[in-house]
Amino acid sequence: MRAVLQRVSTCSVTVDGSIVGSIGQGWLVFVGVAKGDTDVDADRLAEKTISLRAFGDTNGKMNLSVVDIGGAILVVSQFTLMGDCRAGRRPSFIEAAEPAEAERLYLRYVLDIASQGVPVQTGIFRADMKVELVNDGPVTLLIDSTKRF
């Protein structure tokens, strides 16, 4: 699984003209699921997301997690994170998980976050979504469950 975390002051996701998820300060997380990803990947990714210390303390140092600041997380599914752009001019999505498995692991990731008491909102899986955000910093980080952390 891959996740792109963007530290935000505020963000929202809209489907068909209606806001389906929005948060204030916290993480906007785009999540992609690859073939072969498992529950372990979802669990590890969720733990890393909520414990990653990338929010400023009173000295402006990145020492606080989303939990420490009382923030929230907005999770948006994004299969294009599995796109391979190395060959040709069109990305290949052959490494993306099948939709049913991708949705299952995406929802497991969301539920793992919620089970830790972190407020979490989502987009709608497989929907055409419009995302608005105010990137704080900007701070944008990539987490890949296939790389050891």
N, C-alpha and C. Protein backbone atom coordinates (compact mmCIF):
# COMPACT_ATOMS: atom_id res chain seq x y z
N MET A 1 0.86 -1.18 0.00
CA MET A 1 0.00 0.00 0.00
C MET A 1 0.89 1.23 0.00
N ARG A 2 0.40 2.24 -0.64
CA ARG A 2 1.09 3.53 -0.66
C ARG A 2 0.14 4.59 -0.13
N ALA A 3 0.72 5.52 0.61
CA ALA A 3 -0.05 6.65 1.11
C ALA A 3 0.74 7.93 0.91
N VAL A 4 0.08 8.94 0.41
CA VAL A 4 0.64 10.28 0.34
C VAL A 4 -0.07 11.08 1.43
N LEU A 5 0.72 11.56 2.39
CA LEU A 5 0.17 12.34 3.50
C LEU A 5 0.48 13.81 3.26
N GLN A 6 -0.55 14.62 3.31
CA GLN A 6 -0.37 16.06 3.20
C GLN A 6 -0.87 16.69 4.49
N ARG A 7 0.03 17.40 5.16
CA ARG A 7 -0.36 18.11 6.38
C ARG A 7 -1.21 19.30 5.98
N VAL A 8 -2.42 19.37 6.53
CA VAL A 8 -3.36 20.40 6.10
C VAL A 8 -3.88 21.23 7.28
N SER A 9 -4.26 22.45 6.95
CA SER A 9 -5.00 23.30 7.88
C SER A 9 -6.48 22.99 7.78
N THR A 10 -6.89 22.66 6.56
CA THR A 10 -8.28 22.27 6.28
C THR A 10 -8.31 21.57 4.93
N CYS A 11 -9.28 20.67 4.78
CA CYS A 11 -9.47 20.02 3.48
C CYS A 11 -10.86 19.42 3.43
N SER A 12 -11.29 19.17 2.19
CA SER A 12 -12.60 18.56 1.99
C SER A 12 -12.59 17.78 0.68
N VAL A 13 -13.52 16.84 0.58
CA VAL A 13 -13.70 16.08 -0.64
C VAL A 13 -15.18 16.15 -1.03
N THR A 14 -15.41 16.41 -2.32
CA THR A 14 -16.75 16.59 -2.85
C THR A 14 -17.04 15.55 -3.92
N VAL A 15 -18.25 15.00 -3.88
CA VAL A 15 -18.72 14.07 -4.91
C VAL A 15 -20.07 14.58 -5.41
N ASP A 16 -20.18 14.72 -6.70
CA ASP A 16 -21.43 15.21 -7.32
C ASP A 16 -21.93 16.50 -6.68
N GLY A 17 -21.02 17.41 -6.39
CA GLY A 17 -21.38 18.72 -5.85
C GLY A 17 -21.65 18.76 -4.37
N SER A 18 -21.56 17.63 -3.67
CA SER A 18 -21.81 17.60 -2.22
C SER A 18 -20.55 17.21 -1.47
N ILE A 19 -20.27 17.93 -0.40
CA ILE A 19 -19.12 17.59 0.44
C ILE A 19 -19.44 16.30 1.19
N VAL A 20 -18.58 15.29 1.01
CA VAL A 20 -18.79 14.00 1.68
C VAL A 20 -17.84 13.79 2.85
N GLY A 21 -16.80 14.60 2.92
CA GLY A 21 -15.85 14.51 4.03
C GLY A 21 -15.07 15.80 4.14
N SER A 22 -14.82 16.24 5.38
CA SER A 22 -14.00 17.44 5.57
C SER A 22 -13.42 17.41 6.98
N ILE A 23 -12.24 17.99 7.09
CA ILE A 23 -11.57 18.11 8.40
C ILE A 23 -10.91 19.47 8.50
N GLY A 24 -10.51 19.80 9.71
CA GLY A 24 -9.65 20.95 9.95
C GLY A 24 -8.21 20.48 9.93
N GLN A 25 -7.45 20.84 10.94
CA GLN A 25 -6.03 20.49 11.00
C GLN A 25 -5.82 18.98 11.08
N GLY A 26 -4.87 18.49 10.31
CA GLY A 26 -4.55 17.07 10.35
C GLY A 26 -3.90 16.61 9.08
N TRP A 27 -4.19 15.36 8.70
CA TRP A 27 -3.65 14.75 7.49
C TRP A 27 -4.73 14.56 6.44
N LEU A 28 -4.43 14.93 5.21
CA LEU A 28 -5.17 14.46 4.04
C LEU A 28 -4.33 13.30 3.52
N VAL A 29 -4.93 12.12 3.44
CA VAL A 29 -4.19 10.93 3.03
C VAL A 29 -4.82 10.34 1.77
N PHE A 30 -3.99 10.25 0.72
CA PHE A 30 -4.38 9.54 -0.49
C PHE A 30 -3.81 8.13 -0.37
N VAL A 31 -4.65 7.11 -0.55
CA VAL A 31 -4.23 5.72 -0.36
C VAL A 31 -4.44 4.91 -1.63
N GLY A 32 -3.40 4.17 -2.00
CA GLY A 32 -3.47 3.25 -3.12
C GLY A 32 -3.11 1.85 -2.65
N VAL A 33 -3.77 0.85 -3.20
CA VAL A 33 -3.56 -0.55 -2.80
C VAL A 33 -3.01 -1.32 -3.99
N ALA A 34 -1.94 -2.07 -3.75
CA ALA A 34 -1.30 -2.86 -4.80
C ALA A 34 -1.71 -4.32 -4.71
N LYS A 35 -1.57 -5.03 -5.81
CA LYS A 35 -1.75 -6.48 -5.80
C LYS A 35 -0.81 -7.06 -4.76
N GLY A 36 -1.31 -7.99 -3.98
CA GLY A 36 -0.47 -8.64 -2.98
C GLY A 36 -0.47 -7.97 -1.63
N ASP A 37 -1.04 -6.77 -1.51
CA ASP A 37 -1.13 -6.12 -0.20
C ASP A 37 -2.06 -6.93 0.69
N THR A 38 -1.80 -6.88 2.00
CA THR A 38 -2.54 -7.68 2.98
C THR A 38 -3.03 -6.81 4.12
N ASP A 39 -3.73 -7.47 5.05
CA ASP A 39 -4.18 -6.78 6.26
C ASP A 39 -3.01 -6.18 7.02
N VAL A 40 -1.89 -6.87 7.02
CA VAL A 40 -0.69 -6.38 7.72
C VAL A 40 -0.25 -5.04 7.14
N ASP A 41 -0.31 -4.90 5.83
CA ASP A 41 0.05 -3.63 5.19
C ASP A 41 -0.88 -2.51 5.65
N ALA A 42 -2.17 -2.79 5.67
CA ALA A 42 -3.15 -1.77 6.10
C ALA A 42 -2.92 -1.38 7.56
N ASP A 43 -2.68 -2.38 8.41
CA ASP A 43 -2.48 -2.11 9.83
C ASP A 43 -1.21 -1.29 10.08
N ARG A 44 -0.12 -1.68 9.41
CA ARG A 44 1.15 -0.96 9.59
C ARG A 44 1.05 0.46 9.07
N LEU A 45 0.37 0.62 7.95
CA LEU A 45 0.22 1.95 7.37
C LEU A 45 -0.62 2.85 8.28
N ALA A 46 -1.67 2.31 8.85
CA ALA A 46 -2.50 3.09 9.77
C ALA A 46 -1.71 3.51 11.01
N GLU A 47 -0.96 2.58 11.57
CA GLU A 47 -0.15 2.90 12.76
C GLU A 47 0.87 3.99 12.44
N LYS A 48 1.51 3.89 11.30
CA LYS A 48 2.49 4.90 10.91
C LYS A 48 1.82 6.25 10.69
N THR A 49 0.66 6.25 10.08
CA THR A 49 -0.06 7.50 9.80
C THR A 49 -0.40 8.24 11.10
N ILE A 50 -0.90 7.53 12.09
CA ILE A 50 -1.32 8.22 13.31
C ILE A 50 -0.16 8.55 14.24
N SER A 51 0.96 7.86 14.10
CA SER A 51 2.08 8.10 15.01
C SER A 51 3.19 8.96 14.42
N LEU A 52 3.14 9.24 13.12
CA LEU A 52 4.18 10.02 12.47
C LEU A 52 4.23 11.43 13.04
N ARG A 53 5.41 11.81 13.50
CA ARG A 53 5.57 13.12 14.14
C ARG A 53 6.02 14.15 13.10
N ALA A 54 5.05 14.83 12.52
CA ALA A 54 5.34 15.81 11.48
C ALA A 54 4.59 17.12 11.69
N PHE A 55 4.06 17.31 12.89
CA PHE A 55 3.38 18.56 13.23
C PHE A 55 4.26 19.34 14.21
N GLY A 56 4.22 20.66 14.08
CA GLY A 56 5.10 21.51 14.87
C GLY A 56 4.76 21.58 16.34
N ASP A 57 5.81 21.57 17.18
CA ASP A 57 5.65 21.80 18.62
C ASP A 57 5.76 23.30 18.89
N THR A 58 5.86 23.69 20.13
CA THR A 58 5.92 25.12 20.47
C THR A 58 7.18 25.79 19.94
N ASN A 59 8.20 25.01 19.61
CA ASN A 59 9.44 25.55 19.04
C ASN A 59 9.47 25.45 17.51
N GLY A 60 8.36 24.99 16.93
CA GLY A 60 8.29 24.87 15.49
C GLY A 60 8.96 23.62 14.94
N LYS A 61 9.40 22.73 15.80
CA LYS A 61 10.02 21.47 15.37
C LYS A 61 8.95 20.43 15.10
N MET A 62 9.18 19.57 14.11
CA MET A 62 8.23 18.51 13.80
C MET A 62 8.39 17.40 14.84
N ASN A 63 7.70 17.54 15.96
CA ASN A 63 7.79 16.58 17.07
C ASN A 63 6.45 16.01 17.49
N LEU A 64 5.36 16.44 16.87
CA LEU A 64 4.03 16.02 17.32
C LEU A 64 3.31 15.20 16.24
N SER A 65 2.52 14.24 16.70
CA SER A 65 1.70 13.43 15.80
C SER A 65 0.32 14.06 15.65
N VAL A 66 -0.48 13.52 14.76
CA VAL A 66 -1.85 13.99 14.59
C VAL A 66 -2.64 13.79 15.88
N VAL A 67 -2.32 12.75 16.62
CA VAL A 67 -2.97 12.49 17.92
C VAL A 67 -2.59 13.59 18.91
N ASP A 68 -1.30 13.93 18.95
CA ASP A 68 -0.81 14.94 19.89
C ASP A 68 -1.47 16.30 19.70
N ILE A 69 -1.79 16.64 18.45
CA ILE A 69 -2.37 17.97 18.18
C ILE A 69 -3.89 17.94 18.21
N GLY A 70 -4.48 16.76 18.44
CA GLY A 70 -5.93 16.65 18.42
C GLY A 70 -6.50 16.84 17.03
N GLY A 71 -5.73 16.42 16.01
CA GLY A 71 -6.14 16.60 14.63
C GLY A 71 -7.02 15.46 14.13
N ALA A 72 -7.31 15.51 12.85
CA ALA A 72 -8.16 14.52 12.21
C ALA A 72 -7.50 14.07 10.91
N ILE A 73 -8.10 13.06 10.28
CA ILE A 73 -7.56 12.51 9.04
C ILE A 73 -8.69 12.36 8.03
N LEU A 74 -8.44 12.83 6.82
CA LEU A 74 -9.36 12.62 5.70
C LEU A 74 -8.67 11.66 4.74
N VAL A 75 -9.28 10.50 4.50
CA VAL A 75 -8.69 9.46 3.66
C VAL A 75 -9.44 9.40 2.34
N VAL A 76 -8.67 9.45 1.25
CA VAL A 76 -9.23 9.43 -0.09
C VAL A 76 -8.55 8.29 -0.87
N SER A 77 -9.34 7.40 -1.43
CA SER A 77 -8.77 6.31 -2.23
C SER A 77 -8.23 6.88 -3.53
N GLN A 78 -7.06 6.36 -3.95
CA GLN A 78 -6.47 6.87 -5.18
C GLN A 78 -5.63 5.76 -5.82
N PHE A 79 -6.26 4.98 -6.68
CA PHE A 79 -5.56 3.87 -7.31
C PHE A 79 -4.41 4.34 -8.19
N THR A 80 -4.44 5.60 -8.63
CA THR A 80 -3.38 6.08 -9.51
C THR A 80 -2.02 6.14 -8.81
N LEU A 81 -2.01 6.01 -7.48
CA LEU A 81 -0.73 5.94 -6.78
C LEU A 81 0.05 4.68 -7.17
N MET A 82 -0.65 3.71 -7.74
CA MET A 82 -0.01 2.48 -8.20
C MET A 82 0.45 2.58 -9.64
N GLY A 83 0.25 3.74 -10.26
CA GLY A 83 0.63 3.93 -11.65
C GLY A 83 2.13 3.82 -11.86
N ASP A 84 2.51 3.14 -12.91
CA ASP A 84 3.90 2.99 -13.29
C ASP A 84 4.12 3.82 -14.55
N CYS A 85 4.95 4.85 -14.46
CA CYS A 85 5.16 5.79 -15.56
C CYS A 85 6.53 5.62 -16.23
N ARG A 86 7.18 4.51 -15.96
CA ARG A 86 8.54 4.33 -16.47
C ARG A 86 8.59 4.14 -17.98
N ALA A 87 7.61 3.51 -18.56
CA ALA A 87 7.65 3.22 -20.00
C ALA A 87 6.53 3.97 -20.72
N GLY A 88 6.82 4.45 -21.88
CA GLY A 88 5.80 5.08 -22.70
C GLY A 88 5.30 6.39 -22.13
N ARG A 89 4.15 6.80 -22.62
CA ARG A 89 3.56 8.09 -22.23
C ARG A 89 2.27 7.94 -21.46
N ARG A 90 1.86 6.70 -21.26
CA ARG A 90 0.62 6.44 -20.54
C ARG A 90 0.95 5.56 -19.35
N PRO A 91 0.49 5.94 -18.14
CA PRO A 91 0.79 5.11 -16.98
C PRO A 91 0.12 3.74 -17.06
N SER A 92 0.81 2.75 -16.50
CA SER A 92 0.26 1.41 -16.41
C SER A 92 -0.24 1.20 -14.99
N PHE A 93 -1.41 0.62 -14.86
CA PHE A 93 -2.00 0.36 -13.55
C PHE A 93 -2.10 -1.13 -13.26
N ILE A 94 -1.26 -1.90 -13.91
CA ILE A 94 -1.32 -3.35 -13.78
C ILE A 94 -1.01 -3.81 -12.35
N GLU A 95 -0.29 -3.01 -11.59
CA GLU A 95 0.06 -3.40 -10.21
C GLU A 95 -1.00 -2.99 -9.19
N ALA A 96 -2.03 -2.29 -9.61
CA ALA A 96 -3.11 -1.91 -8.69
C ALA A 96 -3.95 -3.14 -8.35
N ALA A 97 -4.38 -3.22 -7.11
CA ALA A 97 -5.23 -4.33 -6.66
C ALA A 97 -6.59 -4.27 -7.35
N GLU A 98 -7.22 -5.42 -7.44
CA GLU A 98 -8.59 -5.47 -7.96
C GLU A 98 -9.48 -4.63 -7.05
N PRO A 99 -10.51 -3.99 -7.60
CA PRO A 99 -11.33 -3.07 -6.81
C PRO A 99 -11.89 -3.64 -5.51
N ALA A 100 -12.39 -4.85 -5.50
CA ALA A 100 -12.99 -5.40 -4.27
C ALA A 100 -11.95 -5.54 -3.16
N GLU A 101 -10.77 -6.02 -3.50
CA GLU A 101 -9.71 -6.17 -2.50
C GLU A 101 -9.17 -4.81 -2.09
N ALA A 102 -9.03 -3.91 -3.03
CA ALA A 102 -8.56 -2.57 -2.72
C ALA A 102 -9.52 -1.87 -1.75
N GLU A 103 -10.81 -2.00 -2.00
CA GLU A 103 -11.79 -1.37 -1.11
C GLU A 103 -11.74 -1.99 0.28
N ARG A 104 -11.60 -3.30 0.35
CA ARG A 104 -11.53 -3.98 1.65
C ARG A 104 -10.34 -3.47 2.47
N LEU A 105 -9.17 -3.36 1.84
CA LEU A 105 -7.99 -2.91 2.57
C LEU A 105 -8.05 -1.42 2.88
N TYR A 106 -8.62 -0.64 1.98
CA TYR A 106 -8.83 0.80 2.22
C TYR A 106 -9.72 0.98 3.45
N LEU A 107 -10.82 0.23 3.52
CA LEU A 107 -11.72 0.35 4.67
C LEU A 107 -11.07 -0.16 5.95
N ARG A 108 -10.25 -1.19 5.85
CA ARG A 108 -9.53 -1.67 7.03
C ARG A 108 -8.60 -0.57 7.56
N TYR A 109 -7.89 0.09 6.66
CA TYR A 109 -7.02 1.21 7.02
C TYR A 109 -7.81 2.30 7.76
N VAL A 110 -8.95 2.66 7.21
CA VAL A 110 -9.81 3.69 7.83
C VAL A 110 -10.28 3.24 9.21
N LEU A 111 -10.74 2.01 9.32
CA LEU A 111 -11.22 1.49 10.61
C LEU A 111 -10.10 1.38 11.63
N ASP A 112 -8.90 1.03 11.19
CA ASP A 112 -7.74 0.99 12.10
C ASP A 112 -7.48 2.37 12.70
N ILE A 113 -7.57 3.40 11.88
CA ILE A 113 -7.37 4.77 12.36
C ILE A 113 -8.46 5.13 13.35
N ALA A 114 -9.70 4.88 12.98
CA ALA A 114 -10.84 5.21 13.85
C ALA A 114 -10.76 4.47 15.18
N SER A 115 -10.28 3.22 15.16
CA SER A 115 -10.21 2.42 16.39
C SER A 115 -9.21 2.99 17.39
N GLN A 116 -8.32 3.84 16.91
CA GLN A 116 -7.34 4.49 17.79
C GLN A 116 -7.87 5.82 18.33
N GLY A 117 -9.13 6.13 18.04
CA GLY A 117 -9.75 7.34 18.56
C GLY A 117 -9.46 8.59 17.76
N VAL A 118 -8.86 8.44 16.59
CA VAL A 118 -8.57 9.60 15.74
C VAL A 118 -9.79 9.87 14.86
N PRO A 119 -10.30 11.09 14.86
CA PRO A 119 -11.43 11.40 13.96
C PRO A 119 -11.00 11.20 12.51
N VAL A 120 -11.83 10.47 11.77
CA VAL A 120 -11.49 10.18 10.38
C VAL A 120 -12.71 10.35 9.50
N GLN A 121 -12.48 10.96 8.36
CA GLN A 121 -13.50 11.15 7.33
C GLN A 121 -12.97 10.49 6.07
N THR A 122 -13.85 10.22 5.10
CA THR A 122 -13.41 9.60 3.86
C THR A 122 -14.10 10.22 2.67
N GLY A 123 -13.53 9.92 1.53
CA GLY A 123 -14.20 10.16 0.27
C GLY A 123 -15.09 8.96 0.00
N ILE A 124 -15.47 8.77 -1.26
CA ILE A 124 -16.28 7.61 -1.64
C ILE A 124 -15.44 6.77 -2.60
N PHE A 125 -15.23 5.53 -2.24
CA PHE A 125 -14.39 4.64 -3.02
C PHE A 125 -14.89 4.55 -4.46
N ARG A 126 -13.99 4.69 -5.41
CA ARG A 126 -14.24 4.63 -6.86
C ARG A 126 -15.07 5.78 -7.42
N ALA A 127 -15.37 6.78 -6.62
CA ALA A 127 -16.12 7.92 -7.12
C ALA A 127 -15.18 8.93 -7.78
N ASP A 128 -15.74 9.77 -8.63
CA ASP A 128 -15.01 10.91 -9.18
C ASP A 128 -15.08 12.00 -8.12
N MET A 129 -13.95 12.29 -7.50
CA MET A 129 -13.92 13.21 -6.35
C MET A 129 -13.16 14.48 -6.68
N LYS A 130 -13.57 15.55 -6.05
CA LYS A 130 -12.88 16.83 -6.11
C LYS A 130 -12.35 17.09 -4.69
N VAL A 131 -11.05 17.31 -4.59
CA VAL A 131 -10.42 17.50 -3.29
C VAL A 131 -9.89 18.93 -3.20
N GLU A 132 -10.25 19.61 -2.12
CA GLU A 132 -9.73 20.95 -1.85
C GLU A 132 -8.94 20.89 -0.56
N LEU A 133 -7.80 21.58 -0.54
CA LEU A 133 -6.97 21.56 0.66
C LEU A 133 -6.15 22.81 0.79
N VAL A 134 -5.80 23.09 2.04
CA VAL A 134 -4.80 24.10 2.34
C VAL A 134 -3.64 23.32 2.96
N ASN A 135 -2.58 23.13 2.15
CA ASN A 135 -1.42 22.37 2.59
C ASN A 135 -0.64 23.24 3.57
N ASP A 136 -0.41 22.71 4.76
CA ASP A 136 0.25 23.43 5.84
C ASP A 136 1.74 23.14 5.80
N GLY A 137 2.51 24.12 5.40
CA GLY A 137 3.95 23.96 5.39
C GLY A 137 4.58 24.50 4.11
N PRO A 138 4.44 23.88 2.99
CA PRO A 138 3.76 22.61 2.77
C PRO A 138 4.58 21.43 3.28
N VAL A 139 3.86 20.44 3.78
CA VAL A 139 4.47 19.18 4.20
C VAL A 139 3.73 18.05 3.49
N THR A 140 4.45 17.29 2.69
CA THR A 140 3.90 16.15 1.97
C THR A 140 4.87 15.00 2.10
N LEU A 141 4.37 13.86 2.56
CA LEU A 141 5.22 12.69 2.80
C LEU A 141 4.63 11.46 2.11
N LEU A 142 5.51 10.55 1.71
CA LEU A 142 5.11 9.31 1.06
C LEU A 142 5.45 8.15 1.98
N ILE A 143 4.48 7.25 2.20
CA ILE A 143 4.71 6.03 2.96
C ILE A 143 4.37 4.86 2.06
N ASP A 144 5.26 3.89 2.00
CA ASP A 144 5.05 2.69 1.19
C ASP A 144 5.21 1.48 2.10
N SER A 145 4.17 0.68 2.23
CA SER A 145 4.20 -0.45 3.15
C SER A 145 5.18 -1.54 2.72
N THR A 146 5.64 -1.49 1.47
CA THR A 146 6.61 -2.50 1.03
C THR A 146 8.03 -2.14 1.47
N LYS A 147 8.21 -0.91 1.92
CA LYS A 147 9.50 -0.49 2.43
C LYS A 147 9.44 -0.59 3.96
N ARG A 148 10.43 -1.15 4.57
CA ARG A 148 10.43 -1.38 6.02
C ARG A 148 10.37 -0.08 6.80
N PHE A 149 9.46 -0.03 7.75
CA PHE A 149 9.40 1.09 8.70
C PHE A 149 8.94 0.58 10.02
